[in-house]
């Protein structure tokens, strides 16, 4: 969370914080190609 009141990520009751963890999936046409992902905080999306 942020404590900056101007940030959309400012802390609030019942709110979800910004998250680094993300699963990934690739499809091709109408079918599946790959389930993948990476652990490691900020490196994940990169």
ModelCIF file with pLDDT and N, C-alpha, C, O atoms, coordinates in Angstrom:
data_MODEL
#
_entry.id   MODEL 
#
_entity.id                         1 
_entity.type                       polymer 
_entity.pdbx_number_of_molecules   1 
#
_entity_poly.entity_id                      1 
_entity_poly.type                           'polypeptide(L)' 
_entity_poly.nstd_linkage                   no 
_entity_poly.nstd_monomer                   no 
_entity_poly.pdbx_seq_one_letter_code       
;(UNK)(UNK)(UNK)(UNK)(UNK)(UNK)(UNK)(UNK)(UNK)(UNK)(UNK)(UNK)(UNK)(UNK)(UNK)(UNK)
(UNK)(UNK)(UNK)(UNK)(UNK)(UNK)(UNK)(UNK)(UNK)(UNK)(UNK)(UNK)(UNK)(UNK)(UNK)(UNK)
(UNK)(UNK)(UNK)(UNK)(UNK)(UNK)(UNK)(UNK)(UNK)(UNK)(UNK)(UNK)(UNK)(UNK)
;
_entity_poly.pdbx_seq_one_letter_code_can   XXXXXXXXXXXXXXXXXXXXXXXXXXXXXXXXXXXXXXXXXXXXXX 
_entity_poly.pdbx_strand_id                 A 
#
loop_
_entity_poly_seq.entity_id 
_entity_poly_seq.num 
_entity_poly_seq.mon_id 
_entity_poly_seq.hetero 
1 1  UNK n 
1 2  UNK n 
1 3  UNK n 
1 4  UNK n 
1 5  UNK n 
1 6  UNK n 
1 7  UNK n 
1 8  UNK n 
1 9  UNK n 
1 10 UNK n 
1 11 UNK n 
1 12 UNK n 
1 13 UNK n 
1 14 UNK n 
1 15 UNK n 
1 16 UNK n 
1 17 UNK n 
1 18 UNK n 
1 19 UNK n 
1 20 UNK n 
1 21 UNK n 
1 22 UNK n 
1 23 UNK n 
1 24 UNK n 
1 25 UNK n 
1 26 UNK n 
1 27 UNK n 
1 28 UNK n 
1 29 UNK n 
1 30 UNK n 
1 31 UNK n 
1 32 UNK n 
1 33 UNK n 
1 34 UNK n 
1 35 UNK n 
1 36 UNK n 
1 37 UNK n 
1 38 UNK n 
1 39 UNK n 
1 40 UNK n 
1 41 UNK n 
1 42 UNK n 
1 43 UNK n 
1 44 UNK n 
1 45 UNK n 
1 46 UNK n 
#
_struct_asym.id          A 
_struct_asym.entity_id   1 
#
loop_
_ma_qa_metric.id 
_ma_qa_metric.mode 
_ma_qa_metric.name 
_ma_qa_metric.software_group_id 
_ma_qa_metric.type 
1 global pLDDT . pLDDT 
2 local  pLDDT . pLDDT 
#
_ma_qa_metric_global.metric_id      1 
_ma_qa_metric_global.metric_value   93.91 
_ma_qa_metric_global.model_id       1 
_ma_qa_metric_global.ordinal_id     1 
#
loop_
_ma_qa_metric_local.label_asym_id 
_ma_qa_metric_local.label_comp_id 
_ma_qa_metric_local.label_seq_id 
_ma_qa_metric_local.metric_id 
_ma_qa_metric_local.metric_value 
_ma_qa_metric_local.model_id 
_ma_qa_metric_local.ordinal_id 
A UNK 1  2 95.00 1 1  
A UNK 2  2 94.00 1 2  
A UNK 3  2 96.00 1 3  
A UNK 4  2 93.00 1 4  
A UNK 5  2 93.00 1 5  
A UNK 6  2 90.00 1 6  
A UNK 7  2 91.00 1 7  
A UNK 8  2 90.00 1 8  
A UNK 9  2 93.00 1 9  
A UNK 10 2 95.00 1 10 
A UNK 11 2 96.00 1 11 
A UNK 12 2 96.00 1 12 
A UNK 13 2 97.00 1 13 
A UNK 14 2 97.00 1 14 
A UNK 15 2 96.00 1 15 
A UNK 16 2 96.00 1 16 
A UNK 17 2 95.00 1 17 
A UNK 18 2 92.00 1 18 
A UNK 19 2 91.00 1 19 
A UNK 20 2 88.00 1 20 
A UNK 21 2 92.00 1 21 
A UNK 22 2 95.00 1 22 
A UNK 23 2 97.00 1 23 
A UNK 24 2 98.00 1 24 
A UNK 25 2 98.00 1 25 
A UNK 26 2 98.00 1 26 
A UNK 27 2 98.00 1 27 
A UNK 28 2 97.00 1 28 
A UNK 29 2 94.00 1 29 
A UNK 30 2 92.00 1 30 
A UNK 31 2 96.00 1 31 
A UNK 32 2 98.00 1 32 
A UNK 33 2 98.00 1 33 
A UNK 34 2 98.00 1 34 
A UNK 35 2 98.00 1 35 
A UNK 36 2 97.00 1 36 
A UNK 37 2 96.00 1 37 
A UNK 38 2 94.00 1 38 
A UNK 39 2 91.00 1 39 
A UNK 40 2 85.00 1 40 
A UNK 41 2 81.00 1 41 
A UNK 42 2 83.00 1 42 
A UNK 43 2 90.00 1 43 
A UNK 44 2 93.00 1 44 
A UNK 45 2 94.00 1 45 
A UNK 46 2 95.00 1 46 
#
loop_
_atom_site.group_PDB 
_atom_site.id 
_atom_site.type_symbol 
_atom_site.label_atom_id 
_atom_site.label_alt_id 
_atom_site.label_comp_id 
_atom_site.label_asym_id 
_atom_site.label_entity_id 
_atom_site.label_seq_id 
_atom_site.pdbx_PDB_ins_code 
_atom_site.Cartn_x 
_atom_site.Cartn_y 
_atom_site.Cartn_z 
_atom_site.occupancy 
_atom_site.B_iso_or_equiv 
_atom_site.pdbx_formal_charge 
_atom_site.auth_seq_id 
_atom_site.auth_comp_id 
_atom_site.auth_asym_id 
_atom_site.auth_atom_id 
_atom_site.pdbx_PDB_model_num 
ATOM 1   N N  . UNK A 1 1  ? 0.819   -1.202  0.000   1.00 95.00 ? 1  UNK A N  1 
ATOM 2   C CA . UNK A 1 1  ? 0.000   0.000   0.000   1.00 95.00 ? 1  UNK A CA 1 
ATOM 3   C C  . UNK A 1 1  ? 0.861   1.264   0.000   1.00 95.00 ? 1  UNK A C  1 
ATOM 4   O O  . UNK A 1 1  ? 2.022   1.239   0.408   1.00 95.00 ? 1  UNK A O  1 
ATOM 5   N N  . UNK A 1 2  ? 0.280   2.350   -0.457  1.00 94.00 ? 2  UNK A N  1 
ATOM 6   C CA . UNK A 1 2  ? 0.876   3.682   -0.348  1.00 94.00 ? 2  UNK A CA 1 
ATOM 7   C C  . UNK A 1 2  ? 0.176   4.448   0.770   1.00 94.00 ? 2  UNK A C  1 
ATOM 8   O O  . UNK A 1 2  ? -0.979  4.169   1.094   1.00 94.00 ? 2  UNK A O  1 
ATOM 9   N N  . UNK A 1 3  ? 0.879   5.412   1.356   1.00 96.00 ? 3  UNK A N  1 
ATOM 10  C CA . UNK A 1 3  ? 0.264   6.342   2.300   1.00 96.00 ? 3  UNK A CA 1 
ATOM 11  C C  . UNK A 1 3  ? 0.059   7.721   1.682   1.00 96.00 ? 3  UNK A C  1 
ATOM 12  O O  . UNK A 1 3  ? -0.316  8.671   2.368   1.00 96.00 ? 3  UNK A O  1 
ATOM 13  N N  . UNK A 1 4  ? 0.312   7.819   0.371   1.00 93.00 ? 4  UNK A N  1 
ATOM 14  C CA . UNK A 1 4  ? 0.073   9.061   -0.362  1.00 93.00 ? 4  UNK A CA 1 
ATOM 15  C C  . UNK A 1 4  ? -1.419  9.174   -0.662  1.00 93.00 ? 4  UNK A C  1 
ATOM 16  O O  . UNK A 1 4  ? -1.947  8.340   -1.398  1.00 93.00 ? 4  UNK A O  1 
ATOM 17  N N  . UNK A 1 5  ? -2.112  10.161  -0.129  1.00 93.00 ? 5  UNK A N  1 
ATOM 18  C CA . UNK A 1 5  ? -3.565  10.245  -0.346  1.00 93.00 ? 5  UNK A CA 1 
ATOM 19  C C  . UNK A 1 5  ? -3.954  10.419  -1.805  1.00 93.00 ? 5  UNK A C  1 
ATOM 20  O O  . UNK A 1 5  ? -5.095  10.144  -2.174  1.00 93.00 ? 5  UNK A O  1 
ATOM 21  N N  . UNK A 1 6  ? -3.014  10.877  -2.651  1.00 90.00 ? 6  UNK A N  1 
ATOM 22  C CA . UNK A 1 6  ? -3.322  11.058  -4.071  1.00 90.00 ? 6  UNK A CA 1 
ATOM 23  C C  . UNK A 1 6  ? -3.171  9.777   -4.877  1.00 90.00 ? 6  UNK A C  1 
ATOM 24  O O  . UNK A 1 6  ? -3.577  9.725   -6.038  1.00 90.00 ? 6  UNK A O  1 
ATOM 25  N N  . UNK A 1 7  ? -2.595  8.748   -4.275  1.00 91.00 ? 7  UNK A N  1 
ATOM 26  C CA . UNK A 1 7  ? -2.342  7.505   -4.999  1.00 91.00 ? 7  UNK A CA 1 
ATOM 27  C C  . UNK A 1 7  ? -3.587  6.632   -5.040  1.00 91.00 ? 7  UNK A C  1 
ATOM 28  O O  . UNK A 1 7  ? -4.299  6.531   -4.040  1.00 91.00 ? 7  UNK A O  1 
ATOM 29  N N  . UNK A 1 8  ? -3.866  5.994   -6.185  1.00 90.00 ? 8  UNK A N  1 
ATOM 30  C CA . UNK A 1 8  ? -4.984  5.036   -6.207  1.00 90.00 ? 8  UNK A CA 1 
ATOM 31  C C  . UNK A 1 8  ? -4.729  3.828   -5.319  1.00 90.00 ? 8  UNK A C  1 
ATOM 32  O O  . UNK A 1 8  ? -5.646  3.062   -5.020  1.00 90.00 ? 8  UNK A O  1 
ATOM 33  N N  . UNK A 1 9  ? -3.478  3.660   -4.899  1.00 93.00 ? 9  UNK A N  1 
ATOM 34  C CA . UNK A 1 9  ? -3.086  2.534   -4.066  1.00 93.00 ? 9  UNK A CA 1 
ATOM 35  C C  . UNK A 1 9  ? -2.978  2.908   -2.588  1.00 93.00 ? 9  UNK A C  1 
ATOM 36  O O  . UNK A 1 9  ? -2.355  2.184   -1.811  1.00 93.00 ? 9  UNK A O  1 
ATOM 37  N N  . UNK A 1 10 ? -3.581  4.034   -2.196  1.00 95.00 ? 10 UNK A N  1 
ATOM 38  C CA . UNK A 1 10 ? -3.517  4.445   -0.795  1.00 95.00 ? 10 UNK A CA 1 
ATOM 39  C C  . UNK A 1 10 ? -4.282  3.445   0.068   1.00 95.00 ? 10 UNK A C  1 
ATOM 40  O O  . UNK A 1 10 ? -5.309  2.907   -0.348  1.00 95.00 ? 10 UNK A O  1 
ATOM 41  N N  . UNK A 1 11 ? -3.773  3.206   1.264   1.00 96.00 ? 11 UNK A N  1 
ATOM 42  C CA . UNK A 1 11 ? -4.376  2.218   2.158   1.00 96.00 ? 11 UNK A CA 1 
ATOM 43  C C  . UNK A 1 11 ? -5.805  2.604   2.520   1.00 96.00 ? 11 UNK A C  1 
ATOM 44  O O  . UNK A 1 11 ? -6.114  3.785   2.682   1.00 96.00 ? 11 UNK A O  1 
ATOM 45  N N  . UNK A 1 12 ? -6.678  1.598   2.647   1.00 96.00 ? 12 UNK A N  1 
ATOM 46  C CA . UNK A 1 12 ? -8.059  1.818   3.067   1.00 96.00 ? 12 UNK A CA 1 
ATOM 47  C C  . UNK A 1 12 ? -8.634  0.506   3.580   1.00 96.00 ? 12 UNK A C  1 
ATOM 48  O O  . UNK A 1 12 ? -8.188  -0.561  3.159   1.00 96.00 ? 12 UNK A O  1 
ATOM 49  N N  . UNK A 1 13 ? -9.608  0.557   4.475   1.00 97.00 ? 13 UNK A N  1 
ATOM 50  C CA . UNK A 1 13 ? -10.209 -0.674  5.003   1.00 97.00 ? 13 UNK A CA 1 
ATOM 51  C C  . UNK A 1 13 ? -10.808 -1.537  3.893   1.00 97.00 ? 13 UNK A C  1 
ATOM 52  O O  . UNK A 1 13 ? -11.480 -1.032  2.994   1.00 97.00 ? 13 UNK A O  1 
ATOM 53  N N  . UNK A 1 14 ? -10.557 -2.829  3.969   1.00 97.00 ? 14 UNK A N  1 
ATOM 54  C CA . UNK A 1 14 ? -11.145 -3.760  3.020   1.00 97.00 ? 14 UNK A CA 1 
ATOM 55  C C  . UNK A 1 14 ? -10.597 -3.685  1.620   1.00 97.00 ? 14 UNK A C  1 
ATOM 56  O O  . UNK A 1 14 ? -11.162 -4.287  0.707   1.00 97.00 ? 14 UNK A O  1 
ATOM 57  N N  . UNK A 1 15 ? -9.512  -2.963  1.423   1.00 96.00 ? 15 UNK A N  1 
ATOM 58  C CA . UNK A 1 15 ? -8.929  -2.760  0.093   1.00 96.00 ? 15 UNK A CA 1 
ATOM 59  C C  . UNK A 1 15 ? -7.768  -3.720  -0.114  1.00 96.00 ? 15 UNK A C  1 
ATOM 60  O O  . UNK A 1 15 ? -7.067  -4.082  0.830   1.00 96.00 ? 15 UNK A O  1 
ATOM 61  N N  . UNK A 1 16 ? -7.573  -4.131  -1.381  1.00 96.00 ? 16 UNK A N  1 
ATOM 62  C CA . UNK A 1 16 ? -6.436  -4.976  -1.721  1.00 96.00 ? 16 UNK A CA 1 
ATOM 63  C C  . UNK A 1 16 ? -5.249  -4.103  -2.106  1.00 96.00 ? 16 UNK A C  1 
ATOM 64  O O  . UNK A 1 16 ? -5.423  -3.130  -2.840  1.00 96.00 ? 16 UNK A O  1 
ATOM 65  N N  . UNK A 1 17 ? -4.032  -4.428  -1.626  1.00 95.00 ? 17 UNK A N  1 
ATOM 66  C CA . UNK A 1 17 ? -2.852  -3.660  -1.998  1.00 95.00 ? 17 UNK A CA 1 
ATOM 67  C C  . UNK A 1 17 ? -2.332  -4.060  -3.368  1.00 95.00 ? 17 UNK A C  1 
ATOM 68  O O  . UNK A 1 17 ? -2.707  -5.104  -3.902  1.00 95.00 ? 17 UNK A O  1 
ATOM 69  N N  . UNK A 1 18 ? -1.470  -3.232  -3.933  1.00 92.00 ? 18 UNK A N  1 
ATOM 70  C CA . UNK A 1 18 ? -0.741  -3.591  -5.148  1.00 92.00 ? 18 UNK A CA 1 
ATOM 71  C C  . UNK A 1 18 ? 0.051   -4.861  -4.886  1.00 92.00 ? 18 UNK A C  1 
ATOM 72  O O  . UNK A 1 18 ? 0.687   -5.006  -3.842  1.00 92.00 ? 18 UNK A O  1 
ATOM 73  N N  . UNK A 1 19 ? 0.004   -5.781  -5.846  1.00 91.00 ? 19 UNK A N  1 
ATOM 74  C CA . UNK A 1 19 ? 0.639   -7.085  -5.695  1.00 91.00 ? 19 UNK A CA 1 
ATOM 75  C C  . UNK A 1 19 ? 1.697   -7.302  -6.759  1.00 91.00 ? 19 UNK A C  1 
ATOM 76  O O  . UNK A 1 19 ? 1.526   -6.900  -7.910  1.00 91.00 ? 19 UNK A O  1 
ATOM 77  N N  . UNK A 1 20 ? 2.795   -7.941  -6.368  1.00 88.00 ? 20 UNK A N  1 
ATOM 78  C CA . UNK A 1 20 ? 3.824   -8.312  -7.336  1.00 88.00 ? 20 UNK A CA 1 
ATOM 79  C C  . UNK A 1 20 ? 3.594   -9.688  -7.933  1.00 88.00 ? 20 UNK A C  1 
ATOM 80  O O  . UNK A 1 20 ? 4.066   -9.951  -9.039  1.00 88.00 ? 20 UNK A O  1 
ATOM 81  N N  . UNK A 1 21 ? 2.872   -10.595 -7.232  1.00 92.00 ? 21 UNK A N  1 
ATOM 82  C CA . UNK A 1 21 ? 2.802   -11.990 -7.688  1.00 92.00 ? 21 UNK A CA 1 
ATOM 83  C C  . UNK A 1 21 ? 1.752   -12.146 -8.781  1.00 92.00 ? 21 UNK A C  1 
ATOM 84  O O  . UNK A 1 21 ? 0.627   -11.662 -8.658  1.00 92.00 ? 21 UNK A O  1 
ATOM 85  N N  . UNK A 1 22 ? 2.143   -12.833 -9.854  1.00 95.00 ? 22 UNK A N  1 
ATOM 86  C CA . UNK A 1 22 ? 1.278   -12.954 -11.021 1.00 95.00 ? 22 UNK A CA 1 
ATOM 87  C C  . UNK A 1 22 ? 1.477   -14.308 -11.703 1.00 95.00 ? 22 UNK A C  1 
ATOM 88  O O  . UNK A 1 22 ? 2.612   -14.653 -12.032 1.00 95.00 ? 22 UNK A O  1 
ATOM 89  N N  . UNK A 1 23 ? 0.422   -15.083 -11.926 1.00 97.00 ? 23 UNK A N  1 
ATOM 90  C CA . UNK A 1 23 ? 0.521   -16.247 -12.801 1.00 97.00 ? 23 UNK A CA 1 
ATOM 91  C C  . UNK A 1 23 ? 0.422   -15.779 -14.246 1.00 97.00 ? 23 UNK A C  1 
ATOM 92  O O  . UNK A 1 23 ? -0.083  -14.689 -14.513 1.00 97.00 ? 23 UNK A O  1 
ATOM 93  N N  . UNK A 1 24 ? 0.901   -16.599 -15.181 1.00 98.00 ? 24 UNK A N  1 
ATOM 94  C CA . UNK A 1 24 ? 0.817   -16.231 -16.592 1.00 98.00 ? 24 UNK A CA 1 
ATOM 95  C C  . UNK A 1 24 ? 0.308   -17.379 -17.441 1.00 98.00 ? 24 UNK A C  1 
ATOM 96  O O  . UNK A 1 24 ? 0.463   -18.548 -17.090 1.00 98.00 ? 24 UNK A O  1 
ATOM 97  N N  . UNK A 1 25 ? -0.306  -17.027 -18.568 1.00 98.00 ? 25 UNK A N  1 
ATOM 98  C CA . UNK A 1 25 ? -0.833  -18.042 -19.473 1.00 98.00 ? 25 UNK A CA 1 
ATOM 99  C C  . UNK A 1 25 ? -0.806  -17.503 -20.892 1.00 98.00 ? 25 UNK A C  1 
ATOM 100 O O  . UNK A 1 25 ? -1.053  -16.319 -21.121 1.00 98.00 ? 25 UNK A O  1 
ATOM 101 N N  . UNK A 1 26 ? -0.500  -18.387 -21.853 1.00 98.00 ? 26 UNK A N  1 
ATOM 102 C CA . UNK A 1 26 ? -0.490  -18.013 -23.265 1.00 98.00 ? 26 UNK A CA 1 
ATOM 103 C C  . UNK A 1 26 ? -1.434  -18.922 -24.030 1.00 98.00 ? 26 UNK A C  1 
ATOM 104 O O  . UNK A 1 26 ? -1.385  -20.144 -23.891 1.00 98.00 ? 26 UNK A O  1 
ATOM 105 N N  . UNK A 1 27 ? -2.282  -18.325 -24.826 1.00 98.00 ? 27 UNK A N  1 
ATOM 106 C CA . UNK A 1 27 ? -3.153  -19.079 -25.712 1.00 98.00 ? 27 UNK A CA 1 
ATOM 107 C C  . UNK A 1 27 ? -2.780  -18.771 -27.152 1.00 98.00 ? 27 UNK A C  1 
ATOM 108 O O  . UNK A 1 27 ? -2.180  -17.736 -27.444 1.00 98.00 ? 27 UNK A O  1 
ATOM 109 N N  . UNK A 1 28 ? -3.149  -19.694 -28.061 1.00 97.00 ? 28 UNK A N  1 
ATOM 110 C CA . UNK A 1 28 ? -2.924  -19.486 -29.485 1.00 97.00 ? 28 UNK A CA 1 
ATOM 111 C C  . UNK A 1 28 ? -4.182  -19.902 -30.217 1.00 97.00 ? 28 UNK A C  1 
ATOM 112 O O  . UNK A 1 28 ? -4.598  -21.059 -30.146 1.00 97.00 ? 28 UNK A O  1 
ATOM 113 N N  . UNK A 1 29 ? -4.786  -18.964 -30.917 1.00 94.00 ? 29 UNK A N  1 
ATOM 114 C CA . UNK A 1 29 ? -6.084  -19.233 -31.493 1.00 94.00 ? 29 UNK A CA 1 
ATOM 115 C C  . UNK A 1 29 ? -7.089  -19.490 -30.391 1.00 94.00 ? 29 UNK A C  1 
ATOM 116 O O  . UNK A 1 29 ? -7.213  -18.699 -29.455 1.00 94.00 ? 29 UNK A O  1 
ATOM 117 N N  . UNK A 1 30 ? -7.806  -20.592 -30.501 1.00 92.00 ? 30 UNK A N  1 
ATOM 118 C CA . UNK A 1 30 ? -8.807  -20.905 -29.485 1.00 92.00 ? 30 UNK A CA 1 
ATOM 119 C C  . UNK A 1 30 ? -8.314  -21.887 -28.440 1.00 92.00 ? 30 UNK A C  1 
ATOM 120 O O  . UNK A 1 30 ? -9.092  -22.343 -27.602 1.00 92.00 ? 30 UNK A O  1 
ATOM 121 N N  . UNK A 1 31 ? -7.014  -22.223 -28.477 1.00 96.00 ? 31 UNK A N  1 
ATOM 122 C CA . UNK A 1 31 ? -6.522  -23.250 -27.576 1.00 96.00 ? 31 UNK A CA 1 
ATOM 123 C C  . UNK A 1 31 ? -5.388  -22.794 -26.682 1.00 96.00 ? 31 UNK A C  1 
ATOM 124 O O  . UNK A 1 31 ? -4.845  -21.705 -26.868 1.00 96.00 ? 31 UNK A O  1 
ATOM 125 N N  . UNK A 1 32 ? -5.024  -23.626 -25.703 1.00 98.00 ? 32 UNK A N  1 
ATOM 126 C CA . UNK A 1 32 ? -3.948  -23.287 -24.767 1.00 98.00 ? 32 UNK A CA 1 
ATOM 127 C C  . UNK A 1 32 ? -2.582  -23.544 -25.382 1.00 98.00 ? 32 UNK A C  1 
ATOM 128 O O  . UNK A 1 32 ? -2.420  -24.480 -26.165 1.00 98.00 ? 32 UNK A O  1 
ATOM 129 N N  . UNK A 1 33 ? -1.614  -22.735 -25.041 1.00 98.00 ? 33 UNK A N  1 
ATOM 130 C CA . UNK A 1 33 ? -0.235  -22.956 -25.460 1.00 98.00 ? 33 UNK A CA 1 
ATOM 131 C C  . UNK A 1 33 ? 0.677   -23.183 -24.265 1.00 98.00 ? 33 UNK A C  1 
ATOM 132 O O  . UNK A 1 33 ? 1.464   -24.129 -24.273 1.00 98.00 ? 33 UNK A O  1 
ATOM 133 N N  . UNK A 1 34 ? 0.594   -22.336 -23.229 1.00 98.00 ? 34 UNK A N  1 
ATOM 134 C CA . UNK A 1 34 ? 1.578   -22.427 -22.147 1.00 98.00 ? 34 UNK A CA 1 
ATOM 135 C C  . UNK A 1 34 ? 1.030   -21.869 -20.847 1.00 98.00 ? 34 UNK A C  1 
ATOM 136 O O  . UNK A 1 34 ? 0.432   -20.794 -20.822 1.00 98.00 ? 34 UNK A O  1 
ATOM 137 N N  . UNK A 1 35 ? 1.240   -22.615 -19.761 1.00 98.00 ? 35 UNK A N  1 
ATOM 138 C CA . UNK A 1 35 ? 1.077   -22.109 -18.399 1.00 98.00 ? 35 UNK A CA 1 
ATOM 139 C C  . UNK A 1 35 ? 2.469   -21.818 -17.872 1.00 98.00 ? 35 UNK A C  1 
ATOM 140 O O  . UNK A 1 35 ? 3.346   -22.681 -17.929 1.00 98.00 ? 35 UNK A O  1 
ATOM 141 N N  . UNK A 1 36 ? 2.683   -20.625 -17.364 1.00 97.00 ? 36 UNK A N  1 
ATOM 142 C CA . UNK A 1 36 ? 4.039   -20.238 -16.973 1.00 97.00 ? 36 UNK A CA 1 
ATOM 143 C C  . UNK A 1 36 ? 3.988   -19.187 -15.877 1.00 97.00 ? 36 UNK A C  1 
ATOM 144 O O  . UNK A 1 36 ? 2.921   -18.709 -15.492 1.00 97.00 ? 36 UNK A O  1 
ATOM 145 N N  . UNK A 1 37 ? 5.156   -18.847 -15.391 1.00 96.00 ? 37 UNK A N  1 
ATOM 146 C CA . UNK A 1 37 ? 5.263   -17.768 -14.423 1.00 96.00 ? 37 UNK A CA 1 
ATOM 147 C C  . UNK A 1 37 ? 6.649   -17.702 -13.833 1.00 96.00 ? 37 UNK A C  1 
ATOM 148 O O  . UNK A 1 37 ? 7.534   -18.488 -14.172 1.00 96.00 ? 37 UNK A O  1 
ATOM 149 N N  . UNK A 1 38 ? 6.816   -16.744 -12.942 1.00 94.00 ? 38 UNK A N  1 
ATOM 150 C CA . UNK A 1 38 ? 8.123   -16.513 -12.329 1.00 94.00 ? 38 UNK A CA 1 
ATOM 151 C C  . UNK A 1 38 ? 7.930   -15.946 -10.939 1.00 94.00 ? 38 UNK A C  1 
ATOM 152 O O  . UNK A 1 38 ? 7.130   -15.030 -10.748 1.00 94.00 ? 38 UNK A O  1 
ATOM 153 N N  . UNK A 1 39 ? 8.650   -16.478 -9.970  1.00 91.00 ? 39 UNK A N  1 
ATOM 154 C CA . UNK A 1 39 ? 8.678   -15.903 -8.632  1.00 91.00 ? 39 UNK A CA 1 
ATOM 155 C C  . UNK A 1 39 ? 9.792   -14.862 -8.561  1.00 91.00 ? 39 UNK A C  1 
ATOM 156 O O  . UNK A 1 39 ? 10.723  -14.894 -9.366  1.00 91.00 ? 39 UNK A O  1 
ATOM 157 N N  . UNK A 1 40 ? 9.704   -13.944 -7.608  1.00 85.00 ? 40 UNK A N  1 
ATOM 158 C CA . UNK A 1 40 ? 10.814  -13.018 -7.444  1.00 85.00 ? 40 UNK A CA 1 
ATOM 159 C C  . UNK A 1 40 ? 10.453  -11.553 -7.358  1.00 85.00 ? 40 UNK A C  1 
ATOM 160 O O  . UNK A 1 40 ? 11.237  -10.718 -7.811  1.00 85.00 ? 40 UNK A O  1 
ATOM 161 N N  . UNK A 1 41 ? 9.301   -11.193 -6.797  1.00 81.00 ? 41 UNK A N  1 
ATOM 162 C CA . UNK A 1 41 ? 8.968   -9.793  -6.565  1.00 81.00 ? 41 UNK A CA 1 
ATOM 163 C C  . UNK A 1 41 ? 8.955   -8.973  -7.838  1.00 81.00 ? 41 UNK A C  1 
ATOM 164 O O  . UNK A 1 41 ? 8.265   -9.333  -8.791  1.00 81.00 ? 41 UNK A O  1 
ATOM 165 N N  . UNK A 1 42 ? 9.719   -7.853  -7.879  1.00 83.00 ? 42 UNK A N  1 
ATOM 166 C CA . UNK A 1 42 ? 9.641   -6.937  -9.013  1.00 83.00 ? 42 UNK A CA 1 
ATOM 167 C C  . UNK A 1 42 ? 10.051  -7.544  -10.350 1.00 83.00 ? 42 UNK A C  1 
ATOM 168 O O  . UNK A 1 42 ? 9.671   -7.024  -11.399 1.00 83.00 ? 42 UNK A O  1 
ATOM 169 N N  . UNK A 1 43 ? 10.822  -8.640  -10.336 1.00 90.00 ? 43 UNK A N  1 
ATOM 170 C CA . UNK A 1 43 ? 11.266  -9.239  -11.593 1.00 90.00 ? 43 UNK A CA 1 
ATOM 171 C C  . UNK A 1 43 ? 10.128  -9.928  -12.328 1.00 90.00 ? 43 UNK A C  1 
ATOM 172 O O  . UNK A 1 43 ? 10.262  -10.217 -13.517 1.00 90.00 ? 43 UNK A O  1 
ATOM 173 N N  . UNK A 1 44 ? 9.009   -10.201 -11.660 1.00 93.00 ? 44 UNK A N  1 
ATOM 174 C CA . UNK A 1 44 ? 8.019   -11.111 -12.231 1.00 93.00 ? 44 UNK A CA 1 
ATOM 175 C C  . UNK A 1 44 ? 7.434   -10.632 -13.552 1.00 93.00 ? 44 UNK A C  1 
ATOM 176 O O  . UNK A 1 44 ? 7.469   -11.371 -14.535 1.00 93.00 ? 44 UNK A O  1 
ATOM 177 N N  . UNK A 1 45 ? 6.911   -9.444  -13.601 1.00 94.00 ? 45 UNK A N  1 
ATOM 178 C CA . UNK A 1 45 ? 6.340   -8.945  -14.857 1.00 94.00 ? 45 UNK A CA 1 
ATOM 179 C C  . UNK A 1 45 ? 7.431   -8.779  -15.909 1.00 94.00 ? 45 UNK A C  1 
ATOM 180 O O  . UNK A 1 45 ? 7.230   -9.097  -17.081 1.00 94.00 ? 45 UNK A O  1 
ATOM 181 N N  . UNK A 1 46 ? 8.600   -8.274  -15.476 1.00 95.00 ? 46 UNK A N  1 
ATOM 182 C CA . UNK A 1 46 ? 9.729   -8.155  -16.403 1.00 95.00 ? 46 UNK A CA 1 
ATOM 183 C C  . UNK A 1 46 ? 10.086  -9.523  -16.973 1.00 95.00 ? 46 UNK A C  1 
ATOM 184 O O  . UNK A 1 46 ? 11.013  -9.634  -17.775 1.00 95.00 ? 46 UNK A O  1 
#
